[in-house]
């Protein structure tokens, strides 16, 4: 057998073994239920990943609810786009980043109003996916209490999926969630003096 044929055979054997491992995992994954996902970390892409899931859900004719905490002082492309869909209930509840508002009591009131809206979605079995964008920041700043969030997640409809985004997700939320992704910054154009760009950050 030539070196090339031997290399091809080793590749085939490795690929076959990998396929058997993956197939076995798929075969074991028989439970169907709503899942809780957390997108956290200091890197870019937490909200973007959540809105990718909104697009995916719409592709499956699912109803979606979005509540944006903290953000709110500027319009975004995702808001402009997803408001076109009657299947999406979209609420921007923040008044901007905390360093812009500089009013803690107002920020707490905004976070609580956003949470009240979120709770109505988390009780609604017709909403298949709920996105709580930047809620982790509200938790980090103690504008909301983690136990009230966990209680609502535990009591939501069985098939409802929930995505919670934002830096510094609390340990208790990470422990409760089914899937957790931490975005890690490597480079960012902003650090080189490039302002936020439509279609990328806006």
Foldseek 3Di string as FASTA:
>chain_A
DDPVVVVVVVVVVVVVVVVVVVVVVVVVPDDAWAFEEEEAADAPDFVVVVLVVVVVCVVVVAAEEEEEAQDDCDDAPSVVVVVVDPSYHYYDQHNHHCVVVVDVVVSLVSLVVSVVVQLVVQADPRHQEYEYEAVQVCCVVVSDDPVVVVVSNVPGDTRHYYYYYYYDRDPVSVVPGPYYDYHYDDDDVVVVVDDDDHPRRD
